[in-house]
Protein backbone atom coordinates (compact mmCIF):
# COMPACT_ATOMS: atom_id res chain seq x y z
CA UNK A 1 0.13 0.16 0.14
CA UNK A 2 0.55 3.54 -0.41
CA UNK A 3 2.96 5.15 2.29
CA UNK A 4 1.39 8.85 2.11
CA UNK A 5 0.76 10.47 5.39
CA UNK A 6 -2.06 12.13 4.58
CA UNK A 7 -5.40 10.89 2.40
CA UNK A 8 -6.31 13.69 -0.16
CA UNK A 9 -10.06 14.79 1.26
CA UNK A 10 -10.37 17.83 -0.94
CA UNK A 11 -12.73 17.67 -3.79
CA UNK A 12 -11.34 17.57 -7.09
CA UNK A 13 -12.40 20.44 -9.01
CA UNK A 14 -15.31 19.71 -11.58
CA UNK A 15 -14.43 18.36 -14.92
CA UNK A 16 -15.41 20.23 -18.12
CA UNK A 17 -19.10 19.06 -19.01
CA UNK A 18 -18.31 16.17 -21.57
CA UNK A 19 -20.44 13.33 -22.74
CA UNK A 20 -18.03 10.47 -24.03
CA UNK A 21 -20.83 7.65 -23.49
CA UNK A 22 -24.23 8.55 -24.38
CA UNK A 23 -26.94 7.04 -22.59
CA UNK A 24 -29.52 7.70 -25.20
CA UNK A 25 -28.81 4.91 -27.45
CA UNK A 26 -30.92 2.61 -26.71
CA UNK A 27 -29.98 0.45 -29.79
CA UNK A 28 -27.27 -0.34 -27.46
CA UNK A 29 -29.25 -0.78 -24.06
CA UNK A 30 -31.81 -3.04 -25.31
CA UNK A 31 -29.78 -5.00 -27.70
CA UNK A 32 -29.97 -8.23 -26.18
CA UNK A 33 -33.84 -7.91 -26.01
CA UNK A 34 -36.52 -9.57 -28.15
CA UNK A 35 -39.33 -7.30 -29.75
CA UNK A 36 -41.60 -9.56 -27.46
CA UNK A 37 -39.50 -9.04 -24.23
CA UNK A 38 -38.88 -5.21 -25.19
CA UNK A 39 -42.99 -4.93 -25.20
CA UNK A 40 -43.24 -6.50 -21.99
CA UNK A 41 -40.91 -4.54 -20.19
CA UNK A 42 -42.87 -1.45 -21.95
CA UNK A 43 -46.07 -2.74 -20.29
CA UNK A 44 -44.57 -3.21 -16.87
CA UNK A 45 -42.83 0.04 -16.69
CA UNK A 46 -46.11 1.83 -18.20
CA UNK A 47 -47.77 0.15 -14.95
CA UNK A 48 -44.96 1.09 -12.89
CA UNK A 49 -45.29 4.63 -13.95
CA UNK A 50 -48.66 4.98 -12.25
CA UNK A 51 -47.63 5.79 -8.61
CA UNK A 52 -50.82 4.78 -7.38
CA UNK A 53 -51.08 1.52 -9.04
CA UNK A 54 -47.94 0.48 -7.61
CA UNK A 55 -49.10 1.39 -4.15
CA UNK A 56 -52.50 -0.70 -4.29
CA UNK A 57 -50.93 -3.61 -6.02
CA UNK A 58 -48.03 -3.96 -3.49
CA UNK A 59 -50.87 -3.59 -0.94
CA UNK A 60 -52.61 -6.46 -2.55
CA UNK A 61 -49.57 -8.82 -3.28
CA UNK A 62 -48.82 -8.63 0.46
CA UNK A 63 -52.28 -9.84 1.26
CA UNK A 64 -52.63 -12.37 -1.37
CA UNK A 65 -49.20 -13.91 0.06
CA UNK A 66 -50.40 -13.85 3.38
CA UNK A 67 -53.64 -15.62 2.66
CA UNK A 68 -51.58 -18.06 0.32
CA UNK A 69 -53.47 -17.10 -2.74
CA UNK A 70 -52.23 -18.53 -5.89
CA UNK A 71 -50.68 -15.58 -7.52
CA UNK A 72 -46.91 -17.07 -7.66
CA UNK A 73 -47.15 -17.44 -11.30
CA UNK A 74 -48.35 -14.11 -11.95
CA UNK A 75 -45.43 -12.68 -9.88
CA UNK A 76 -43.04 -14.97 -11.39
CA UNK A 77 -44.21 -14.00 -15.08
CA UNK A 78 -44.09 -10.18 -14.14
CA UNK A 79 -41.83 -8.18 -11.72
CA UNK A 80 -40.13 -11.21 -10.64
CA UNK A 81 -39.13 -11.89 -14.27
CA UNK A 82 -38.06 -8.38 -14.80
CA UNK A 83 -36.25 -8.05 -11.76
CA UNK A 84 -34.83 -11.64 -10.90
CA UNK A 85 -32.38 -14.06 -12.29
CA UNK A 86 -34.54 -16.89 -11.16
CA UNK A 87 -35.04 -19.05 -8.16
CA UNK A 88 -31.92 -20.82 -8.02
CA UNK A 89 -28.00 -20.23 -9.61
CA UNK A 90 -28.92 -22.83 -12.37
CA UNK A 91 -31.76 -20.66 -13.43
CA UNK A 92 -29.61 -17.80 -13.43
CA UNK A 93 -27.21 -18.85 -16.11
CA UNK A 94 -29.14 -17.48 -19.33
CA UNK A 95 -28.88 -14.18 -18.10
CA UNK A 96 -25.33 -14.60 -16.83
CA UNK A 97 -24.62 -15.31 -20.42
CA UNK A 98 -26.77 -12.57 -21.89
CA UNK A 99 -25.11 -10.48 -20.00
CA UNK A 100 -21.64 -11.45 -20.62
CA UNK A 101 -22.43 -11.26 -24.31
CA UNK A 102 -22.89 -7.41 -23.80
CA UNK A 103 -19.43 -7.41 -21.59
CA UNK A 104 -21.54 -6.92 -18.57
CA UNK A 105 -20.85 -8.84 -15.65
CA UNK A 106 -23.01 -10.38 -13.24
CA UNK A 107 -23.28 -10.18 -9.43
CA UNK A 108 -25.65 -13.06 -7.78
CA UNK A 109 -27.18 -11.59 -5.16
CA UNK A 110 -29.15 -14.32 -2.96
CA UNK A 111 -31.99 -12.16 -1.80
CA UNK A 112 -32.86 -13.55 1.36
CA UNK A 113 -33.25 -11.23 4.50
CA UNK A 114 -34.66 -11.11 7.74
CA UNK A 115 -34.40 -14.99 8.44
CA UNK A 116 -35.45 -15.74 12.01
CA UNK A 117 -33.64 -19.00 13.08
CA UNK A 118 -30.15 -20.64 13.34
CA UNK A 119 -31.10 -23.33 10.47
CA UNK A 120 -32.19 -20.68 7.61
CA UNK A 121 -28.92 -18.65 8.85
CA UNK A 122 -26.59 -21.60 8.36
CA UNK A 123 -28.62 -22.79 4.78
CA UNK A 124 -27.92 -19.11 3.63
CA UNK A 125 -24.30 -19.06 4.08
CA UNK A 126 -24.19 -22.45 2.01
CA UNK A 127 -26.00 -20.74 -0.73
CA UNK A 128 -23.50 -18.09 -0.55
CA UNK A 129 -21.01 -20.29 -0.81
CA UNK A 130 -21.95 -21.51 -3.89
CA UNK A 131 -22.19 -18.08 -5.33
CA UNK A 132 -18.30 -17.61 -4.45
CA UNK A 133 -17.54 -20.68 -6.28
CA UNK A 134 -19.86 -20.10 -9.30
CA UNK A 135 -17.90 -16.53 -9.23
CA UNK A 136 -14.64 -18.35 -9.09
CA UNK A 137 -15.23 -20.16 -12.31
CA UNK A 138 -15.24 -17.39 -14.58
CA UNK A 139 -14.71 -13.54 -15.01
CA UNK A 140 -18.45 -13.28 -15.94
CA UNK A 141 -19.11 -12.60 -12.39
CA UNK A 142 -16.59 -10.23 -10.66
CA UNK A 143 -18.21 -9.69 -7.26
CA UNK A 144 -20.08 -12.06 -4.69
CA UNK A 145 -22.46 -10.26 -2.51
CA UNK A 146 -24.68 -10.83 1.04
CA UNK A 147 -26.78 -9.30 3.69
CA UNK A 148 -26.04 -9.67 7.49
CA UNK A 149 -29.57 -10.23 8.02
CA UNK A 150 -29.46 -13.21 5.99
CA UNK A 151 -27.34 -14.80 8.88
CA UNK A 152 -28.34 -13.10 11.57
CA UNK A 153 -31.43 -12.05 13.73
CA UNK A 154 -31.95 -8.06 13.38
CA UNK A 155 -32.82 -7.94 16.99
CA UNK A 156 -29.64 -9.21 17.75
CA UNK A 157 -27.55 -7.00 15.53
CA UNK A 158 -29.50 -4.05 17.06
CA UNK A 159 -28.77 -5.14 20.71
CA UNK A 160 -25.05 -5.24 19.84
CA UNK A 161 -25.13 -1.89 18.35
CA UNK A 162 -27.10 -0.63 21.41
CA UNK A 163 -24.53 -1.74 23.64
CA UNK A 164 -26.83 -3.81 25.41
CA UNK A 165 -25.70 -6.21 28.15
CA UNK A 166 -25.92 -9.52 26.05
CA UNK A 167 -26.88 -12.93 27.59
CA UNK A 168 -24.56 -16.24 27.18
CA UNK A 169 -27.21 -17.38 24.59
CA UNK A 170 -26.73 -13.86 22.44
CA UNK A 171 -22.98 -13.94 23.09
CA UNK A 172 -22.77 -17.39 21.68
CA UNK A 173 -25.33 -16.55 18.92
CA UNK A 174 -23.34 -13.23 17.99
CA UNK A 175 -20.00 -15.34 17.74
CA UNK A 176 -21.86 -17.76 15.25
CA UNK A 177 -22.94 -14.49 13.08
CA UNK A 178 -19.05 -13.72 13.15
CA UNK A 179 -18.10 -17.04 12.40
CA UNK A 180 -20.69 -17.23 9.50
CA UNK A 181 -19.30 -13.57 8.03
CA UNK A 182 -15.61 -15.05 8.35
CA UNK A 183 -16.52 -18.01 6.55
CA UNK A 184 -18.04 -16.11 3.59
CA UNK A 185 -15.12 -13.84 3.35
CA UNK A 186 -12.63 -16.42 4.09
CA UNK A 187 -13.95 -18.44 0.94
CA UNK A 188 -14.07 -15.65 -1.03
CA UNK A 189 -10.14 -14.90 -0.03
CA UNK A 190 -9.39 -18.33 -1.20
CA UNK A 191 -10.89 -18.01 -4.25
CA UNK A 192 -9.77 -14.83 -5.03
CA UNK A 193 -13.29 -13.43 -5.18
CA UNK A 194 -14.39 -10.03 -4.19
CA UNK A 195 -17.01 -9.88 -1.79
CA UNK A 196 -19.85 -7.12 -0.93
CA UNK A 197 -21.59 -6.82 2.60
CA UNK A 198 -24.46 -4.85 1.75
CA UNK A 199 -25.86 -1.61 3.58
CA UNK A 200 -29.04 -2.19 5.78
CA UNK A 201 -30.78 0.14 8.29
CA UNK A 202 -29.10 2.57 10.49
CA UNK A 203 -29.68 1.14 13.93
CA UNK A 204 -27.85 -2.14 12.74
CA UNK A 205 -25.40 -0.61 10.48
CA UNK A 206 -22.31 0.51 12.99
CA UNK A 207 -22.94 -3.49 13.92
CA UNK A 208 -22.50 -4.57 10.05
CA UNK A 209 -19.78 -1.86 9.79
CA UNK A 210 -17.78 -3.26 12.69
CA UNK A 211 -17.93 -6.83 10.90
CA UNK A 212 -17.01 -5.32 7.60
CA UNK A 213 -13.86 -3.43 8.73
CA UNK A 214 -12.75 -6.71 10.57
CA UNK A 215 -12.99 -8.81 7.92
CA UNK A 216 -10.99 -6.17 5.63
CA UNK A 217 -8.06 -6.08 8.37
CA UNK A 218 -8.01 -9.86 8.05
CA UNK A 219 -8.17 -10.12 4.07
CA UNK A 220 -7.83 -7.03 2.22
CA UNK A 221 -3.95 -6.76 3.21
CA UNK A 222 -2.81 -8.10 -0.14
CA UNK A 223 -5.59 -7.32 -2.51
CA UNK A 224 -9.13 -5.77 -1.78
CA UNK A 225 -11.70 -8.78 -1.43
CA UNK A 226 -14.32 -7.10 1.14
CA UNK A 227 -16.07 -4.18 0.36
CA UNK A 228 -18.25 -2.45 2.71
CA UNK A 229 -21.18 -0.24 1.39
CA UNK A 230 -21.81 3.32 1.89
CA UNK A 231 -25.23 4.89 1.84
CA UNK A 232 -24.81 8.37 0.74
CA UNK A 233 -28.33 9.56 1.90
CA UNK A 234 -27.29 9.46 5.14
CA UNK A 235 -25.43 12.93 6.30
CA UNK A 236 -22.75 11.74 8.13
CA UNK A 237 -21.67 8.88 5.56
CA UNK A 238 -18.90 10.84 3.63
CA UNK A 239 -17.15 12.06 6.85
CA UNK A 240 -17.21 8.10 8.03
CA UNK A 241 -15.91 6.89 4.41
CA UNK A 242 -12.96 9.07 4.99
CA UNK A 243 -12.32 7.97 8.56
CA UNK A 244 -12.89 4.35 7.16
CA UNK A 245 -10.12 5.25 4.40
CA UNK A 246 -7.54 6.81 6.68
CA UNK A 247 -8.08 3.66 9.32
CA UNK A 248 -7.42 1.21 6.53
CA UNK A 249 -4.02 3.39 5.54
CA UNK A 250 -3.06 3.13 9.16
CA UNK A 251 -3.70 -0.53 9.73
CA UNK A 252 -2.21 -1.38 6.57
CA UNK A 253 -5.03 -2.91 4.39
CA UNK A 254 -7.30 -1.89 1.53
CA UNK A 255 -10.51 -0.54 1.58
CA UNK A 256 -13.42 -1.73 -0.93
CA UNK A 257 -16.27 0.99 -0.88
CA UNK A 258 -19.60 0.47 -2.79
CA UNK A 259 -21.10 3.99 -3.02
CA UNK A 260 -24.91 3.66 -3.43
CA UNK A 261 -27.75 6.99 -2.50
CA UNK A 262 -29.72 4.46 -0.05
CA UNK A 263 -32.73 2.13 -0.20
CA UNK A 264 -34.52 2.40 3.40
CA UNK A 265 -35.50 6.23 3.17
CA UNK A 266 -39.29 6.12 4.16
CA UNK A 267 -38.32 3.52 6.93
CA UNK A 268 -35.50 5.39 8.21
CA UNK A 269 -37.38 8.63 8.66
CA UNK A 270 -40.60 7.31 10.33
CA UNK A 271 -38.65 5.00 12.97
CA UNK A 272 -36.49 8.38 13.66
CA UNK A 273 -39.95 10.49 14.20
CA UNK A 274 -41.49 7.64 15.92
CA UNK A 275 -38.58 7.18 18.40
CA UNK A 276 -37.72 10.75 18.64
CA UNK A 277 -34.14 10.47 17.46
CA UNK A 278 -32.04 12.76 14.90
CA UNK A 279 -33.27 11.58 11.27
CA UNK A 280 -29.95 10.16 9.99
CA UNK A 281 -31.13 11.08 5.99
CA UNK A 282 -30.03 13.99 4.67
CA UNK A 283 -32.53 16.98 4.38
CA UNK A 284 -32.57 16.94 0.85
CA UNK A 285 -31.95 15.02 -2.28
CA UNK A 286 -29.32 17.70 -3.29
CA UNK A 287 -27.58 17.37 -0.39
CA UNK A 288 -27.56 13.30 -1.21
CA UNK A 289 -26.13 14.16 -4.54
CA UNK A 290 -23.53 16.63 -3.62
CA UNK A 291 -22.11 13.71 -1.11
CA UNK A 292 -22.05 11.08 -3.66
CA UNK A 293 -20.31 12.91 -5.93
CA UNK A 294 -17.75 13.96 -3.08
CA UNK A 295 -17.15 10.51 -2.10
CA UNK A 296 -16.69 9.59 -6.06
CA UNK A 297 -13.85 12.53 -6.28
CA UNK A 298 -12.19 11.36 -2.61
CA UNK A 299 -12.42 7.77 -4.08
CA UNK A 300 -10.63 8.31 -7.55
CA UNK A 301 -8.29 10.66 -5.88
CA UNK A 302 -7.12 7.88 -3.15
CA UNK A 303 -7.37 5.07 -5.46
CA UNK A 304 -4.41 3.28 -4.59
CA UNK A 305 -5.85 2.55 -1.31
CA UNK A 306 -9.65 2.48 -2.43
CA UNK A 307 -11.08 -0.16 -4.74
CA UNK A 308 -15.01 1.39 -5.35
CA UNK A 309 -17.95 0.52 -7.27
CA UNK A 310 -20.50 2.99 -7.93
CA UNK A 311 -24.07 1.26 -7.20
CA UNK A 312 -26.14 3.87 -8.94
CA UNK A 313 -29.06 4.35 -11.26
CA UNK A 314 -27.98 8.23 -11.55
CA UNK A 315 -26.76 9.36 -15.53
CA UNK A 316 -25.57 12.38 -13.75
CA UNK A 317 -22.92 10.35 -11.50
CA UNK A 318 -21.82 8.29 -14.02
CA UNK A 319 -21.21 10.53 -16.27
CA UNK A 320 -19.37 12.71 -13.76
CA UNK A 321 -16.91 9.63 -12.84
CA UNK A 322 -16.54 9.26 -16.75
CA UNK A 323 -15.64 12.46 -16.72
CA UNK A 324 -13.35 12.63 -13.79
CA UNK A 325 -11.61 9.77 -14.60
CA UNK A 326 -10.66 11.19 -18.19
CA UNK A 327 -9.41 14.30 -16.35
CA UNK A 328 -7.12 11.86 -14.40
CA UNK A 329 -5.85 9.88 -16.85
CA UNK A 330 -7.46 6.79 -15.55
CA UNK A 331 -8.29 3.91 -18.04
CA UNK A 332 -11.93 3.18 -18.32
CA UNK A 333 -11.19 -0.34 -17.22
CA UNK A 334 -9.23 0.51 -14.40
CA UNK A 335 -9.36 -2.71 -12.21
CA UNK A 336 -10.16 -0.24 -8.90
CA UNK A 337 -13.30 0.91 -10.68
CA UNK A 338 -16.68 -0.57 -11.27
CA UNK A 339 -19.94 0.46 -12.30
CA UNK A 340 -23.12 -1.38 -11.26
CA UNK A 341 -26.80 -1.42 -11.60
CA UNK A 342 -29.87 -3.87 -10.68
CA UNK A 343 -31.08 -6.26 -13.57
CA UNK A 344 -34.12 -5.16 -15.30
CA UNK A 345 -33.39 -1.25 -14.64
CA UNK A 346 -30.95 1.27 -16.18
CA UNK A 347 -29.74 -0.72 -19.13
CA UNK A 348 -29.18 2.68 -20.81
CA UNK A 349 -26.24 3.21 -18.36
CA UNK A 350 -24.92 -0.30 -18.07
CA UNK A 351 -25.11 -1.30 -21.61
CA UNK A 352 -23.65 1.82 -22.73
CA UNK A 353 -21.17 2.11 -20.25
CA UNK A 354 -19.63 -1.61 -21.03
CA UNK A 355 -19.71 -0.77 -24.85
CA UNK A 356 -17.58 1.94 -24.04
CA UNK A 357 -15.17 -0.24 -22.26
CA UNK A 358 -15.95 0.52 -18.59
CA UNK A 359 -16.12 -2.18 -15.87
CA UNK A 360 -20.06 -2.72 -15.37
CA UNK A 361 -22.00 -5.48 -13.52
CA UNK A 362 -25.70 -5.82 -12.68
CA UNK A 363 -26.93 -7.26 -9.51
CA UNK A 364 -29.08 -10.33 -10.58
CA UNK A 365 -31.21 -11.37 -7.37
CA UNK A 366 -32.03 -14.75 -7.09
CA UNK A 367 -34.24 -17.02 -5.00
CA UNK A 368 -37.67 -18.53 -4.06
CA UNK A 369 -40.43 -16.30 -5.22
CA UNK A 370 -41.95 -15.75 -1.81
CA UNK A 371 -38.31 -15.10 -0.18
CA UNK A 372 -37.29 -12.36 -2.56
CA UNK A 373 -40.70 -10.25 -2.18
CA UNK A 374 -39.04 -7.99 0.17
CA UNK A 375 -36.49 -7.18 -2.61
CA UNK A 376 -39.27 -6.50 -5.20
CA UNK A 377 -41.10 -4.51 -2.72
CA UNK A 378 -38.29 -2.18 -2.43
CA UNK A 379 -37.93 -1.65 -5.95
CA UNK A 380 -41.38 -0.78 -6.31
CA UNK A 381 -41.06 1.88 -3.47
CA UNK A 382 -37.75 3.24 -5.29
CA UNK A 383 -39.55 3.82 -8.67
CA UNK A 384 -41.90 5.69 -6.61
CA UNK A 385 -39.52 7.71 -4.41
CA UNK A 386 -36.74 8.04 -7.49
CA UNK A 387 -37.97 11.09 -9.11
CA UNK A 388 -39.04 9.96 -13.30
CA UNK A 389 -36.95 6.43 -12.35
CA UNK A 390 -40.11 4.87 -13.88
CA UNK A 391 -41.21 7.18 -16.39
CA UNK A 392 -37.44 7.30 -17.33
CA UNK A 393 -37.37 3.62 -17.84
CA UNK A 394 -40.86 3.41 -19.96
CA UNK A 395 -39.57 6.46 -22.45
CA UNK A 396 -36.53 4.68 -23.26
CA UNK A 397 -38.29 1.52 -23.83
CA UNK A 398 -41.06 3.23 -25.67
CA UNK A 399 -38.14 5.24 -27.93
CA UNK A 400 -36.45 1.46 -28.64
CA UNK A 401 -39.66 -0.01 -29.92
CA UNK A 402 -40.20 3.15 -32.10
CA UNK A 403 -36.95 3.33 -33.31
CA UNK A 404 -36.84 -0.89 -34.15
CA UNK A 405 -40.56 0.00 -35.97
CA UNK A 406 -38.50 2.54 -38.14
CA UNK A 407 -35.79 0.40 -39.19
CA UNK A 408 -38.54 -2.52 -40.79
């Protein structure tokens, strides 16, 4: 690692506005989709573009699942098919191949969370180990990923964060959580696979952070294996990123940082109001955007110590990163810099970046339909919360359908 005594914390001056990659090129964005699949995507986003319909639909899907009504087939043929790779790794193979054809990597995301018993936790570890093994077989899968809530009870993580006095049973349970996290990171290190530890709610995130930095100190001394996730919609997150980088430098390991805006906005604000503590979320979206781009500057300026993945659907942030990389003379395929988007969303970003030689991967969630519903519900909420996101997707798909019609 570098022996620099100080990290670069001052923002890089904004580059001259350039657009070396066009996110408007729908011929590239949807090159892997047949006319039938594209029309299906069109109608799905047309429906999702109606906020009230998303809200009502989410309510009735939750109710139907609770009542065990036979709607699994409908879900599987609509939102599940759009945003998930399948119910197993084997089901995802066709998606992995399609993405590879466009030079887009896959991040297999076993989307199980909020489990409640030790048997489920151990089963989840085994499945994530399978994703690591699959990733080790091919460069098509540059990262593995897991959520700590798939390995531990949320109440236990919260109790640890609060500094509560743990019973002997709870202490033993948390040691098992640490062992599960270590098992995954150790296997990733042994198989030379990079692994993300995803961010979660603020009331358990400090516990997750401690586990992540412990794993980095074990496995990131030779190369960047373990990545923590930074949700920049939290007002203190930029400072935490700087502090974590300084800590990594002092201890002699590389920092892995996945930068995201955040996925629990409404839940965070409701809870902070109900329990009367300071809202951890930025006051405005502009504040979030500012800190996200500050974090980009910081990581690029310290890339001999920090490897980053930009998990974003924000076109400006992607163009900003491209411009900064160009200004700093950083090659598009620099191994320390990745872009990532979710399967079924922002193909105009993913495919056009990959077509221009940048490192890109898609999160490909998979798992039993019922188990991944929390993930799908968050996608619905995000499309309501992100101004114009579903409208943007809908407009792009519509544009490509019109282009194809004109090419006949």
